[in-house]
Amino acid sequence: GEQAARQGLVSILFVNIQDHPPAVAPYGGSDPRLGTNPVCVTVPGTPSTSPIVLDLATSRVAQGKARVALNEGKRLSEDCVLDNKGMPTTDPGVLWNDPKGCLLPFGDYKGSGFALMAELLGGVLSGGGSCHPSHGPRGGIINNLFGVLVDPTHLQSDLSWMHAEIDKLVTYVKNSPPARVPPVDPTDPSGRYTGGQVQVAGEPEQARAKARDSGIPIDATTWEQIEGAADSL
């Protein structure tokens, strides 16, 4: 998505995850049947506005963030995961138990619907295959992608007008008065908005990328796992 935006293209991308155990329960279900199936929509930036990059997992919290929470000894929000009996829990460790628990979709039926569409478009329409267990393990993790790329110049001959509209709209949205909610730990893996200046899609990631210019913070458990993986090669 970011690569498309840098080339001045709009992108709509659906990805599924194959050859890997499902991790997300469908809305109303109690065991994992879907992947975290990312959806990405990007709009190129302007001279004044950075590209708008909406890139999200269809689960309420990304599995990688749940792993970070586990390694750091943190709990998740109460509406993020179910244990292997289908009961809500705040323990991220249930995702790696045997039998495993599962993540919940974001927005209930909305995230569940997006995850299914990612399977149908990213998996089936692409020809790569869905997460259905009949495909069997192939010894790795496979991502299939369905993408739509749009060159705005074929729809808008006057790019200066389009840029002005993007600038105005983004500024209008960001100028909403901040929500008055109690501050919480900014590393909360649920990723919920907790006050402060309004941000648009892509800005939190851009800020984190800039902060990482001087290094990437890694907790001791994760670093130990990285070293273990390196030693196994």
C-alpha atoms as a PDB file:
ATOM      1  CA  GLY A   1       0.000   0.000   0.000  1.00  0.00           C
ATOM      2  CA  GLU A   2       2.735   2.464   0.906  1.00  0.00           C
ATOM      3  CA  GLN A   3       4.626   1.604  -2.275  1.00  0.00           C
ATOM      4  CA  ALA A   4       1.503   2.306  -4.331  1.00  0.00           C
ATOM      5  CA  ALA A   5       0.934   5.617  -2.545  1.00  0.00           C
ATOM      6  CA  ARG A   6       4.530   6.680  -3.234  1.00  0.00           C
ATOM      7  CA  GLN A   7       3.828   6.094  -6.920  1.00  0.00           C
ATOM      8  CA  GLY A   8       0.728   8.291  -6.731  1.00  0.00           C
ATOM      9  CA  LEU A   9      -1.727   5.380  -6.872  1.00  0.00           C
ATOM     10  CA  VAL A  10      -4.792   4.545  -4.802  1.00  0.00           C
ATOM     11  CA  SER A  11      -4.743   0.923  -3.607  1.00  0.00           C
ATOM     12  CA  ILE A  12      -7.314  -1.466  -2.142  1.00  0.00           C
ATOM     13  CA  LEU A  13      -5.730  -4.695  -0.927  1.00  0.00           C
ATOM     14  CA  PHE A  14      -7.105  -7.870   0.678  1.00  0.00           C
ATOM     15  CA  VAL A  15      -4.759 -10.524   2.084  1.00  0.00           C
ATOM     16  CA  ASN A  16      -5.487 -13.975   3.474  1.00  0.00           C
ATOM     17  CA  ILE A  17      -3.254 -16.324   5.438  1.00  0.00           C
ATOM     18  CA  GLN A  18      -2.885 -19.909   4.276  1.00  0.00           C
ATOM     19  CA  ASP A  19      -0.943 -22.914   5.547  1.00  0.00           C
ATOM     20  CA  HIS A  20      -1.173 -21.582   9.083  1.00  0.00           C
ATOM     21  CA  PRO A  21      -3.723 -22.441  11.788  1.00  0.00           C
ATOM     22  CA  PRO A  22      -6.647 -19.986  11.903  1.00  0.00           C
ATOM     23  CA  ALA A  23      -6.472 -17.513  14.771  1.00  0.00           C
ATOM     24  CA  VAL A  24      -9.755 -15.553  14.695  1.00  0.00           C
ATOM     25  CA  ALA A  25     -13.269 -16.638  15.622  1.00  0.00           C
ATOM     26  CA  PRO A  26     -16.060 -15.603  13.260  1.00  0.00           C
ATOM     27  CA  TYR A  27     -18.638 -13.290  14.813  1.00  0.00           C
ATOM     28  CA  GLY A  28     -20.857 -15.404  17.046  1.00  0.00           C
ATOM     29  CA  GLY A  29     -18.367 -18.312  17.024  1.00  0.00           C
ATOM     30  CA  SER A  30     -16.099 -19.571  19.767  1.00  0.00           C
ATOM     31  CA  ASP A  31     -13.111 -21.164  18.030  1.00  0.00           C
ATOM     32  CA  PRO A  32     -10.612 -19.997  15.373  1.00  0.00           C
ATOM     33  CA  ARG A  33     -11.840 -20.322  11.775  1.00  0.00           C
ATOM     34  CA  LEU A  34     -10.280 -17.286  10.046  1.00  0.00           C
ATOM     35  CA  GLY A  35      -6.896 -15.610   9.786  1.00  0.00           C
ATOM     36  CA  THR A  36      -6.120 -12.093  10.924  1.00  0.00           C
ATOM     37  CA  ASN A  37      -6.449 -11.272   7.185  1.00  0.00           C
ATOM     38  CA  PRO A  38      -5.167  -7.709   6.699  1.00  0.00           C
ATOM     39  CA  VAL A  39      -7.027  -5.128   4.653  1.00  0.00           C
ATOM     40  CA  CYS A  40      -5.169  -2.095   3.325  1.00  0.00           C
ATOM     41  CA  VAL A  41      -6.533   1.010   1.619  1.00  0.00           C
ATOM     42  CA  THR A  42      -4.216   3.862   0.678  1.00  0.00           C
ATOM     43  CA  VAL A  43      -4.613   7.292  -0.885  1.00  0.00           C
ATOM     44  CA  PRO A  44      -1.518   9.143  -2.122  1.00  0.00           C
ATOM     45  CA  GLY A  45      -0.461  12.261  -0.272  1.00  0.00           C
ATOM     46  CA  THR A  46      -0.147  15.839  -1.415  1.00  0.00           C
ATOM     47  CA  PRO A  47       2.637  18.414  -1.053  1.00  0.00           C
ATOM     48  CA  SER A  48       1.076  19.285   2.333  1.00  0.00           C
ATOM     49  CA  THR A  49      -0.427  15.974   3.514  1.00  0.00           C
ATOM     50  CA  SER A  50       1.241  12.609   4.017  1.00  0.00           C
ATOM     51  CA  PRO A  51      -0.242   9.553   2.289  1.00  0.00           C
ATOM     52  CA  ILE A  52      -3.305   8.170   4.063  1.00  0.00           C
ATOM     53  CA  VAL A  53      -2.570   4.515   4.791  1.00  0.00           C
ATOM     54  CA  LEU A  54      -5.269   2.392   6.397  1.00  0.00           C
ATOM     55  CA  ASP A  55      -3.593  -0.947   7.110  1.00  0.00           C
ATOM     56  CA  LEU A  56      -5.296  -3.155   9.658  1.00  0.00           C
ATOM     57  CA  ALA A  57      -5.787  -6.709  10.773  1.00  0.00           C
ATOM     58  CA  THR A  58      -9.403  -7.845  10.798  1.00  0.00           C
ATOM     59  CA  SER A  59      -8.967  -9.111  14.353  1.00  0.00           C
ATOM     60  CA  ARG A  60      -9.566  -6.770  17.274  1.00  0.00           C
ATOM     61  CA  VAL A  61      -5.863  -6.884  18.067  1.00  0.00           C
ATOM     62  CA  ALA A  62      -3.097  -8.102  15.754  1.00  0.00           C
ATOM     63  CA  GLN A  63      -1.624 -11.457  16.716  1.00  0.00           C
ATOM     64  CA  GLY A  64       1.864  -9.966  16.778  1.00  0.00           C
ATOM     65  CA  LYS A  65       0.772  -7.338  19.293  1.00  0.00           C
ATOM     66  CA  ALA A  66      -0.782 -10.063  21.427  1.00  0.00           C
ATOM     67  CA  ARG A  67       2.579 -11.860  21.382  1.00  0.00           C
ATOM     68  CA  VAL A  68       4.342  -8.664  22.482  1.00  0.00           C
ATOM     69  CA  ALA A  69       1.832  -8.269  25.326  1.00  0.00           C
ATOM     70  CA  LEU A  70       2.493 -11.878  26.393  1.00  0.00           C
ATOM     71  CA  ASN A  71       6.260 -11.387  26.320  1.00  0.00           C
ATOM     72  CA  GLU A  72       5.964  -8.183  28.341  1.00  0.00           C
ATOM     73  CA  GLY A  73       3.638  -9.771  30.893  1.00  0.00           C
ATOM     74  CA  LYS A  74       0.708  -7.512  30.003  1.00  0.00           C
ATOM     75  CA  ARG A  75      -2.999  -8.264  29.770  1.00  0.00           C
ATOM     76  CA  LEU A  76      -5.273  -7.531  26.836  1.00  0.00           C
ATOM     77  CA  SER A  77      -8.591  -5.742  26.909  1.00  0.00           C
ATOM     78  CA  GLU A  78     -11.525  -7.927  27.918  1.00  0.00           C
ATOM     79  CA  ASP A  79     -13.036  -8.026  24.428  1.00  0.00           C
ATOM     80  CA  CYS A  80      -9.992  -9.182  22.450  1.00  0.00           C
ATOM     81  CA  VAL A  81      -9.616 -12.945  22.971  1.00  0.00           C
ATOM     82  CA  LEU A  82     -11.434 -16.116  23.987  1.00  0.00           C
ATOM     83  CA  ASP A  83      -9.865 -19.102  25.727  1.00  0.00           C
ATOM     84  CA  ASN A  84     -10.102 -22.641  24.349  1.00  0.00           C
ATOM     85  CA  LYS A  85     -13.505 -23.062  25.991  1.00  0.00           C
ATOM     86  CA  GLY A  86     -14.876 -19.982  24.232  1.00  0.00           C
ATOM     87  CA  MET A  87     -14.811 -17.813  27.354  1.00  0.00           C
ATOM     88  CA  PRO A  88     -13.583 -14.180  27.342  1.00  0.00           C
ATOM     89  CA  THR A  89     -10.181 -13.628  28.913  1.00  0.00           C
ATOM     90  CA  THR A  90      -7.500 -10.957  29.142  1.00  0.00           C
ATOM     91  CA  ASP A  91      -4.646 -13.497  29.016  1.00  0.00           C
ATOM     92  CA  PRO A  92      -2.835 -13.354  25.631  1.00  0.00           C
ATOM     93  CA  GLY A  93      -1.199 -16.690  26.432  1.00  0.00           C
ATOM     94  CA  VAL A  94      -4.369 -18.589  25.498  1.00  0.00           C
ATOM     95  CA  LEU A  95      -3.496 -17.980  21.842  1.00  0.00           C
ATOM     96  CA  TRP A  96      -0.487 -20.293  22.196  1.00  0.00           C
ATOM     97  CA  ASN A  97      -1.973 -22.915  24.518  1.00  0.00           C
ATOM     98  CA  ASP A  98      -2.852 -26.397  23.316  1.00  0.00           C
ATOM     99  CA  PRO A  99      -5.692 -26.399  22.447  1.00  0.00           C
ATOM    100  CA  LYS A 100      -5.522 -22.760  21.424  1.00  0.00           C
ATOM    101  CA  GLY A 101      -7.869 -19.918  22.206  1.00  0.00           C
ATOM    102  CA  CYS A 102      -8.681 -17.328  19.558  1.00  0.00           C
ATOM    103  CA  LEU A 103      -8.772 -13.659  18.721  1.00  0.00           C
ATOM    104  CA  LEU A 104     -12.054 -11.831  18.193  1.00  0.00           C
ATOM    105  CA  PRO A 105     -12.823  -9.807  15.053  1.00  0.00           C
ATOM    106  CA  PHE A 106     -12.808  -6.024  15.231  1.00  0.00           C
ATOM    107  CA  GLY A 107     -16.238  -4.431  15.181  1.00  0.00           C
ATOM    108  CA  ASP A 108     -17.939  -7.803  15.713  1.00  0.00           C
ATOM    109  CA  TYR A 109     -19.757  -8.757  12.484  1.00  0.00           C
ATOM    110  CA  LYS A 110     -17.998  -5.996  10.527  1.00  0.00           C
ATOM    111  CA  GLY A 111     -14.493  -7.327  11.077  1.00  0.00           C
ATOM    112  CA  SER A 112     -15.721 -10.876  10.641  1.00  0.00           C
ATOM    113  CA  GLY A 113     -17.233  -9.881   7.293  1.00  0.00           C
ATOM    114  CA  PHE A 114     -14.016  -8.212   6.167  1.00  0.00           C
ATOM    115  CA  ALA A 115     -12.010 -11.310   7.167  1.00  0.00           C
ATOM    116  CA  LEU A 116     -14.308 -13.517   5.104  1.00  0.00           C
ATOM    117  CA  MET A 117     -14.057 -11.147   2.136  1.00  0.00           C
ATOM    118  CA  ALA A 118     -10.264 -11.280   2.439  1.00  0.00           C
ATOM    119  CA  GLU A 119     -10.523 -15.071   2.161  1.00  0.00           C
ATOM    120  CA  LEU A 120     -12.860 -14.897  -0.825  1.00  0.00           C
ATOM    121  CA  LEU A 121     -10.921 -12.182  -2.658  1.00  0.00           C
ATOM    122  CA  GLY A 122      -7.345 -12.638  -1.455  1.00  0.00           C
ATOM    123  CA  GLY A 123      -7.564 -16.429  -1.296  1.00  0.00           C
ATOM    124  CA  VAL A 124     -10.184 -17.696  -3.709  1.00  0.00           C
ATOM    125  CA  LEU A 125     -10.334 -15.053  -6.452  1.00  0.00           C
ATOM    126  CA  SER A 126      -6.538 -14.827  -6.582  1.00  0.00           C
ATOM    127  CA  GLY A 127      -6.328 -18.570  -7.130  1.00  0.00           C
ATOM    128  CA  GLY A 128      -4.107 -19.114  -4.120  1.00  0.00           C
ATOM    129  CA  GLY A 129      -6.689 -20.862  -1.958  1.00  0.00           C
ATOM    130  CA  SER A 130      -8.487 -20.168   1.292  1.00  0.00           C
ATOM    131  CA  CYS A 131      -7.663 -21.120   4.874  1.00  0.00           C
ATOM    132  CA  HIS A 132      -9.940 -24.178   4.679  1.00  0.00           C
ATOM    133  CA  PRO A 133      -8.196 -27.109   6.418  1.00  0.00           C
ATOM    134  CA  SER A 134      -8.733 -29.366   3.386  1.00  0.00           C
ATOM    135  CA  HIS A 135      -5.709 -27.675   1.778  1.00  0.00           C
ATOM    136  CA  GLY A 136      -3.478 -29.245   4.398  1.00  0.00           C
ATOM    137  CA  PRO A 137      -0.077 -28.032   5.651  1.00  0.00           C
ATOM    138  CA  ARG A 138       2.643 -27.232   3.144  1.00  0.00           C
ATOM    139  CA  GLY A 139       5.392 -26.347   5.560  1.00  0.00           C
ATOM    140  CA  GLY A 140       5.187 -22.581   5.692  1.00  0.00           C
ATOM    141  CA  ILE A 141       2.995 -19.494   5.832  1.00  0.00           C
ATOM    142  CA  ILE A 142       1.466 -18.300   2.572  1.00  0.00           C
ATOM    143  CA  ASN A 143      -0.102 -14.899   1.985  1.00  0.00           C
ATOM    144  CA  ASN A 144      -2.369 -14.493  -1.033  1.00  0.00           C
ATOM    145  CA  LEU A 145      -3.350 -11.019  -2.199  1.00  0.00           C
ATOM    146  CA  PHE A 146      -6.094  -9.447  -4.263  1.00  0.00           C
ATOM    147  CA  GLY A 147      -5.436  -5.835  -5.134  1.00  0.00           C
ATOM    148  CA  VAL A 148      -6.998  -2.969  -7.011  1.00  0.00           C
ATOM    149  CA  LEU A 149      -4.774  -0.080  -8.110  1.00  0.00           C
ATOM    150  CA  VAL A 150      -6.241   3.177  -9.349  1.00  0.00           C
ATOM    151  CA  ASP A 151      -4.367   5.950 -11.119  1.00  0.00           C
ATOM    152  CA  PRO A 152      -6.195   9.122  -9.979  1.00  0.00           C
ATOM    153  CA  THR A 153      -5.191  10.939 -13.169  1.00  0.00           C
ATOM    154  CA  HIS A 154      -7.633   8.767 -15.102  1.00  0.00           C
ATOM    155  CA  LEU A 155     -10.489  10.042 -12.921  1.00  0.00           C
ATOM    156  CA  GLN A 156      -9.326  13.546 -12.009  1.00  0.00           C
ATOM    157  CA  SER A 157      -7.600  15.576 -14.686  1.00  0.00           C
ATOM    158  CA  ASP A 158      -7.079  18.423 -12.222  1.00  0.00           C
ATOM    159  CA  LEU A 159      -4.779  16.996  -9.539  1.00  0.00           C
ATOM    160  CA  SER A 160      -4.451  20.386  -7.872  1.00  0.00           C
ATOM    161  CA  TRP A 161      -8.181  20.279  -7.092  1.00  0.00           C
ATOM    162  CA  MET A 162      -7.894  16.733  -5.719  1.00  0.00           C
ATOM    163  CA  HIS A 163      -4.905  17.686  -3.564  1.00  0.00           C
ATOM    164  CA  ALA A 164      -6.768  20.706  -2.205  1.00  0.00           C
ATOM    165  CA  GLU A 165      -9.769  18.522  -1.330  1.00  0.00           C
ATOM    166  CA  ILE A 166      -7.543  15.978   0.450  1.00  0.00           C
ATOM    167  CA  ASP A 167      -5.802  18.748   2.407  1.00  0.00           C
ATOM    168  CA  LYS A 168      -9.083  20.376   3.419  1.00  0.00           C
ATOM    169  CA  LEU A 169     -10.748  17.148   4.470  1.00  0.00           C
ATOM    170  CA  VAL A 170      -7.810  15.815   6.489  1.00  0.00           C
ATOM    171  CA  THR A 171      -7.418  19.171   8.255  1.00  0.00           C
ATOM    172  CA  TYR A 172     -11.158  19.317   8.969  1.00  0.00           C
ATOM    173  CA  VAL A 173     -11.142  15.824  10.484  1.00  0.00           C
ATOM    174  CA  LYS A 174      -8.017  16.439  12.580  1.00  0.00           C
ATOM    175  CA  ASN A 175      -9.371  19.708  13.966  1.00  0.00           C
ATOM    176  CA  SER A 176     -12.088  17.900  15.904  1.00  0.00           C
ATOM    177  CA  PRO A 177     -11.704  18.783  19.616  1.00  0.00           C
ATOM    178  CA  PRO A 178      -9.843  16.010  21.471  1.00  0.00           C
ATOM    179  CA  ALA A 179     -11.979  13.475  23.315  1.00  0.00           C
ATOM    180  CA  ARG A 180     -11.995  13.877  27.083  1.00  0.00           C
ATOM    181  CA  VAL A 181     -11.079  10.418  28.288  1.00  0.00           C
ATOM    182  CA  PRO A 182      -8.688   9.289  31.021  1.00  0.00           C
ATOM    183  CA  PRO A 183      -5.148   8.717  29.744  1.00  0.00           C
ATOM    184  CA  VAL A 184      -3.988   5.108  29.676  1.00  0.00           C
ATOM    185  CA  ASP A 185      -0.791   3.242  28.885  1.00  0.00           C
ATOM    186  CA  PRO A 186       0.072   4.263  25.275  1.00  0.00           C
ATOM    187  CA  THR A 187       1.508   0.778  24.680  1.00  0.00           C
ATOM    188  CA  ASP A 188      -1.927  -0.787  25.216  1.00  0.00           C
ATOM    189  CA  PRO A 189      -1.910  -3.532  22.539  1.00  0.00           C
ATOM    190  CA  SER A 190      -5.617  -3.082  21.901  1.00  0.00           C
ATOM    191  CA  GLY A 191      -4.634   0.109  20.087  1.00  0.00           C
ATOM    192  CA  ARG A 192      -7.635   2.103  21.269  1.00  0.00           C
ATOM    193  CA  TYR A 193      -7.758   5.866  20.835  1.00  0.00           C
ATOM    194  CA  THR A 194      -7.355   7.455  24.258  1.00  0.00           C
ATOM    195  CA  GLY A 195      -7.430  11.177  23.700  1.00  0.00           C
ATOM    196  CA  GLY A 196      -5.050  13.819  22.435  1.00  0.00           C
ATOM    197  CA  GLN A 197      -4.884  15.207  18.924  1.00  0.00           C
ATOM    198  CA  VAL A 198      -6.943  13.421  16.302  1.00  0.00           C
ATOM    199  CA  GLN A 199      -4.827  11.342  13.930  1.00  0.00           C
ATOM    200  CA  VAL A 200      -5.727   9.938  10.535  1.00  0.00           C
ATOM    201  CA  ALA A 201      -4.813   6.518   9.190  1.00  0.00           C
ATOM    202  CA  GLY A 202      -1.058   6.098   8.827  1.00  0.00           C
ATOM    203  CA  GLU A 203       0.042   8.847  11.205  1.00  0.00           C
ATOM    204  CA  PRO A 204       0.648   6.634  14.273  1.00  0.00           C
ATOM    205  CA  GLU A 205       2.800   4.293  12.172  1.00  0.00           C
ATOM    206  CA  GLN A 206       4.720   7.216  10.653  1.00  0.00           C
ATOM    207  CA  ALA A 207       5.440   8.559  14.140  1.00  0.00           C
ATOM    208  CA  ARG A 208       6.636   5.157  15.351  1.00  0.00           C
ATOM    209  CA  ALA A 209       8.847   4.732  12.284  1.00  0.00           C
ATOM    210  CA  LYS A 210      10.467   8.109  12.929  1.00  0.00           C
ATOM    211  CA  ALA A 211      10.995   7.251  16.600  1.00  0.00           C
ATOM    212  CA  ARG A 212      12.756   4.039  15.552  1.00  0.00           C
ATOM    213  CA  ASP A 213      15.437   5.915  13.644  1.00  0.00           C
ATOM    214  CA  SER A 214      17.526   5.665  16.801  1.00  0.00           C
ATOM    215  CA  GLY A 215      16.687   2.005  17.467  1.00  0.00           C
ATOM    216  CA  ILE A 216      13.877  -0.483  18.027  1.00  0.00           C
ATOM    217  CA  PRO A 217      12.870  -1.238  21.631  1.00  0.00           C
ATOM    218  CA  ILE A 218      12.635  -4.996  22.222  1.00  0.00           C
ATOM    219  CA  ASP A 219      11.674  -6.643  25.507  1.00  0.00           C
ATOM    220  CA  ALA A 220      13.964  -9.284  26.997  1.00  0.00           C
ATOM    221  CA  THR A 221      11.681 -12.237  26.204  1.00  0.00           C
ATOM    222  CA  THR A 222      11.306 -11.287  22.555  1.00  0.00           C
ATOM    223  CA  TRP A 223      15.065 -10.780  22.212  1.00  0.00           C
ATOM    224  CA  GLU A 224      15.669 -14.216  23.749  1.00  0.00           C
ATOM    225  CA  GLN A 225      13.272 -15.726  21.203  1.00  0.00           C
ATOM    226  CA  ILE A 226      15.062 -13.940  18.357  1.00  0.00           C
ATOM    227  CA  GLU A 227      18.407 -15.292  19.550  1.00  0.00           C
ATOM    228  CA  GLY A 228      16.916 -18.770  19.844  1.00  0.00           C
ATOM    229  CA  ALA A 229      15.615 -18.596  16.295  1.00  0.00           C
ATOM    230  CA  ALA A 230      19.038 -17.432  15.062  1.00  0.00           C
ATOM    231  CA  ASP A 231      20.793 -20.261  16.918  1.00  0.00           C
ATOM    232  CA  SER A 232      18.472 -22.815  15.310  1.00  0.00           C
ATOM    233  CA  LEU A 233      19.582 -21.877  11.785  1.00  0.00           C
END
